Amino acid sequence: MQIDIQSRHFTLTEALRGYIKRRLGFALGSRDEHIRRVRVRLSDVNGPKGGDDKCCHVQVTLEHLPDIVIKDTEADLYRAIDRAADRADRTLGRRLARQRTRGRSTAMRPQLTTAEIL
């Protein structure tokens, strides 16, 4: 799984980069064959003022399905990353289950002949 990580308004440390890769690998790794790329954008909205201003924006690009976009803002950046990873995992699971259900329902639908339609 290719993970692209960028930060805005603060320095991205190797410890934080490693945490994001481990966390997303744990959350999304079992469905790696469906994922083309994961983009993570971290930002500090208010700068040094403090408050709920650490934002984690996760975009999961999938094969043959629309992208999953998750955004979470918290006072603690690690909490924002955890919540965004959990939400991305749940959303991906629902989307893949929906795709499997749709594929099964169209395959099980009987094909009508021209005589049956008229």
C-alpha atoms as a PDB file:
ATOM      1  CA  MET A   1       0.000   0.000   0.000  1.00  0.00           C
ATOM      2  CA  GLN A   2       1.443   3.354  -1.049  1.00  0.00           C
ATOM      3  CA  ILE A   3       1.016   5.996   1.681  1.00  0.00           C
ATOM      4  CA  ASP A   4       1.721   9.660   0.901  1.00  0.00           C
ATOM      5  CA  ILE A   5       2.012  11.855   4.020  1.00  0.00           C
ATOM      6  CA  GLN A   6       2.222  15.641   4.060  1.00  0.00           C
ATOM      7  CA  SER A   7       1.995  18.198   6.855  1.00  0.00           C
ATOM      8  CA  ARG A   8       1.054  21.853   6.794  1.00  0.00           C
ATOM      9  CA  HIS A   9       2.069  24.475   9.343  1.00  0.00           C
ATOM     10  CA  PHE A  10       4.300  22.119  11.371  1.00  0.00           C
ATOM     11  CA  THR A  11       7.252  19.760  10.914  1.00  0.00           C
ATOM     12  CA  LEU A  12       6.514  16.109  10.209  1.00  0.00           C
ATOM     13  CA  THR A  13       8.788  13.977  12.394  1.00  0.00           C
ATOM     14  CA  GLU A  14       9.931  10.455  11.544  1.00  0.00           C
ATOM     15  CA  ALA A  15       8.168   9.186  14.674  1.00  0.00           C
ATOM     16  CA  LEU A  16       4.864  10.661  13.479  1.00  0.00           C
ATOM     17  CA  ARG A  17       5.412   9.340   9.939  1.00  0.00           C
ATOM     18  CA  GLY A  18       6.101   5.862  11.334  1.00  0.00           C
ATOM     19  CA  TYR A  19       3.025   6.010  13.573  1.00  0.00           C
ATOM     20  CA  ILE A  20       0.783   6.919  10.621  1.00  0.00           C
ATOM     21  CA  LYS A  21       2.168   4.110   8.455  1.00  0.00           C
ATOM     22  CA  ARG A  22       1.746   1.549  11.249  1.00  0.00           C
ATOM     23  CA  ARG A  23      -1.759   2.747  12.142  1.00  0.00           C
ATOM     24  CA  LEU A  24      -3.039   2.806   8.553  1.00  0.00           C
ATOM     25  CA  GLY A  25      -1.276  -0.466   7.773  1.00  0.00           C
ATOM     26  CA  PHE A  26      -3.069  -2.076  10.702  1.00  0.00           C
ATOM     27  CA  ALA A  27      -6.455  -0.533   9.806  1.00  0.00           C
ATOM     28  CA  LEU A  28      -6.387  -1.022   6.022  1.00  0.00           C
ATOM     29  CA  GLY A  29      -3.757  -3.706   5.426  1.00  0.00           C
ATOM     30  CA  SER A  30      -6.172  -6.630   5.197  1.00  0.00           C
ATOM     31  CA  ARG A  31      -7.829  -4.981   2.181  1.00  0.00           C
ATOM     32  CA  ASP A  32      -4.595  -3.881   0.517  1.00  0.00           C
ATOM     33  CA  GLU A  33      -5.474  -5.468  -2.847  1.00  0.00           C
ATOM     34  CA  HIS A  34      -8.356  -2.987  -3.299  1.00  0.00           C
ATOM     35  CA  ILE A  35      -6.317   0.126  -2.432  1.00  0.00           C
ATOM     36  CA  ARG A  36      -4.203   2.003  -4.966  1.00  0.00           C
ATOM     37  CA  ARG A  37      -2.986   4.827  -2.736  1.00  0.00           C
ATOM     38  CA  VAL A  38      -3.584   6.491   0.618  1.00  0.00           C
ATOM     39  CA  ARG A  39      -2.977  10.218   1.026  1.00  0.00           C
ATOM     40  CA  VAL A  40      -2.701  11.733   4.485  1.00  0.00           C
ATOM     41  CA  ARG A  41      -2.684  15.496   5.040  1.00  0.00           C
ATOM     42  CA  LEU A  42      -1.984  16.773   8.529  1.00  0.00           C
ATOM     43  CA  SER A  43      -2.495  20.389   9.504  1.00  0.00           C
ATOM     44  CA  ASP A  44      -2.524  22.635  12.543  1.00  0.00           C
ATOM     45  CA  VAL A  45      -5.448  24.954  11.836  1.00  0.00           C
ATOM     46  CA  ASN A  46      -4.973  27.493  14.650  1.00  0.00           C
ATOM     47  CA  GLY A  47      -1.196  27.319  14.896  1.00  0.00           C
ATOM     48  CA  PRO A  48       0.169  27.960  18.402  1.00  0.00           C
ATOM     49  CA  LYS A  49      -3.217  29.119  19.800  1.00  0.00           C
ATOM     50  CA  GLY A  50      -4.198  25.587  20.845  1.00  0.00           C
ATOM     51  CA  GLY A  51      -7.648  24.026  20.954  1.00  0.00           C
ATOM     52  CA  ASP A  52      -9.287  21.403  18.729  1.00  0.00           C
ATOM     53  CA  ASP A  53      -7.244  22.329  15.729  1.00  0.00           C
ATOM     54  CA  LYS A  54      -5.153  19.315  14.671  1.00  0.00           C
ATOM     55  CA  CYS A  55      -6.662  18.027  11.452  1.00  0.00           C
ATOM     56  CA  CYS A  56      -6.079  14.650   9.784  1.00  0.00           C
ATOM     57  CA  HIS A  57      -7.398  14.323   6.223  1.00  0.00           C
ATOM     58  CA  VAL A  58      -7.235  10.798   4.753  1.00  0.00           C
ATOM     59  CA  GLN A  59      -8.032  10.003   1.127  1.00  0.00           C
ATOM     60  CA  VAL A  60      -8.101   6.334   0.099  1.00  0.00           C
ATOM     61  CA  THR A  61      -7.978   5.784  -3.667  1.00  0.00           C
ATOM     62  CA  LEU A  62      -9.570   2.468  -4.612  1.00  0.00           C
ATOM     63  CA  GLU A  63      -9.597   0.248  -7.676  1.00  0.00           C
ATOM     64  CA  HIS A  64     -12.831   0.720  -9.654  1.00  0.00           C
ATOM     65  CA  LEU A  65     -14.647   2.518  -6.808  1.00  0.00           C
ATOM     66  CA  PRO A  66     -14.974   6.158  -5.720  1.00  0.00           C
ATOM     67  CA  ASP A  67     -12.386   7.512  -3.284  1.00  0.00           C
ATOM     68  CA  ILE A  68     -12.989   7.439   0.447  1.00  0.00           C
ATOM     69  CA  VAL A  69     -12.339  10.809   2.106  1.00  0.00           C
ATOM     70  CA  ILE A  70     -12.209  11.132   5.887  1.00  0.00           C
ATOM     71  CA  LYS A  71     -11.473  14.298   7.858  1.00  0.00           C
ATOM     72  CA  ASP A  72     -11.113  14.458  11.624  1.00  0.00           C
ATOM     73  CA  THR A  73     -10.137  17.378  13.885  1.00  0.00           C
ATOM     74  CA  GLU A  74      -9.008  16.936  17.482  1.00  0.00           C
ATOM     75  CA  ALA A  75      -6.861  18.684  20.086  1.00  0.00           C
ATOM     76  CA  ASP A  76      -4.415  15.747  19.946  1.00  0.00           C
ATOM     77  CA  LEU A  77      -2.981  14.868  16.523  1.00  0.00           C
ATOM     78  CA  TYR A  78      -2.515  11.189  17.389  1.00  0.00           C
ATOM     79  CA  ARG A  79      -6.193  10.945  18.375  1.00  0.00           C
ATOM     80  CA  ALA A  80      -7.211  12.561  15.066  1.00  0.00           C
ATOM     81  CA  ILE A  81      -5.072  10.018  13.189  1.00  0.00           C
ATOM     82  CA  ASP A  82      -6.573   7.107  15.156  1.00  0.00           C
ATOM     83  CA  ARG A  83     -10.150   8.242  14.574  1.00  0.00           C
ATOM     84  CA  ALA A  84      -9.557   8.902  10.853  1.00  0.00           C
ATOM     85  CA  ALA A  85      -7.926   5.467  10.423  1.00  0.00           C
ATOM     86  CA  ASP A  86     -10.826   3.734  12.217  1.00  0.00           C
ATOM     87  CA  ARG A  87     -13.427   5.582  10.148  1.00  0.00           C
ATOM     88  CA  ALA A  88     -11.551   4.821   6.906  1.00  0.00           C
ATOM     89  CA  ASP A  89     -11.454   1.122   7.854  1.00  0.00           C
ATOM     90  CA  ARG A  90     -15.188   0.973   8.575  1.00  0.00           C
ATOM     91  CA  THR A  91     -16.084   2.931   5.427  1.00  0.00           C
ATOM     92  CA  LEU A  92     -13.883   0.730   3.245  1.00  0.00           C
ATOM     93  CA  GLY A  93     -15.453  -2.399   4.742  1.00  0.00           C
ATOM     94  CA  ARG A  94     -18.975  -1.140   4.037  1.00  0.00           C
ATOM     95  CA  ARG A  95     -18.100  -0.105   0.497  1.00  0.00           C
ATOM     96  CA  LEU A  96     -16.507  -3.453  -0.361  1.00  0.00           C
ATOM     97  CA  ALA A  97     -19.422  -5.364   1.195  1.00  0.00           C
ATOM     98  CA  ARG A  98     -21.858  -3.296  -0.856  1.00  0.00           C
ATOM     99  CA  GLN A  99     -19.872  -4.036  -4.022  1.00  0.00           C
ATOM    100  CA  ARG A 100     -19.899  -7.788  -3.272  1.00  0.00           C
ATOM    101  CA  THR A 101     -23.659  -7.707  -2.620  1.00  0.00           C
ATOM    102  CA  ARG A 102     -24.373  -5.857  -5.839  1.00  0.00           C
ATOM    103  CA  GLY A 103     -22.188  -8.239  -7.829  1.00  0.00           C
ATOM    104  CA  ARG A 104     -23.954 -11.251  -6.362  1.00  0.00           C
ATOM    105  CA  SER A 105     -27.464  -9.887  -6.886  1.00  0.00           C
ATOM    106  CA  THR A 106     -26.879  -9.138 -10.590  1.00  0.00           C
ATOM    107  CA  ALA A 107     -25.228 -12.526 -11.141  1.00  0.00           C
ATOM    108  CA  MET A 108     -28.144 -14.353  -9.489  1.00  0.00           C
ATOM    109  CA  ARG A 109     -30.801 -12.442 -11.422  1.00  0.00           C
ATOM    110  CA  PRO A 110     -32.332 -14.719 -14.109  1.00  0.00           C
ATOM    111  CA  GLN A 111     -31.834 -13.640 -17.700  1.00  0.00           C
ATOM    112  CA  LEU A 112     -35.109 -13.125 -19.555  1.00  0.00           C
ATOM    113  CA  THR A 113     -35.490 -14.281 -23.135  1.00  0.00           C
ATOM    114  CA  THR A 114     -37.158 -12.132 -25.774  1.00  0.00           C
ATOM    115  CA  ALA A 115     -40.263 -14.378 -25.706  1.00  0.00           C
ATOM    116  CA  GLU A 116     -40.650 -13.861 -21.933  1.00  0.00           C
ATOM    117  CA  ILE A 117     -40.413 -10.099 -22.251  1.00  0.00           C
ATOM    118  CA  LEU A 118     -43.211  -9.913 -24.850  1.00  0.00           C
END
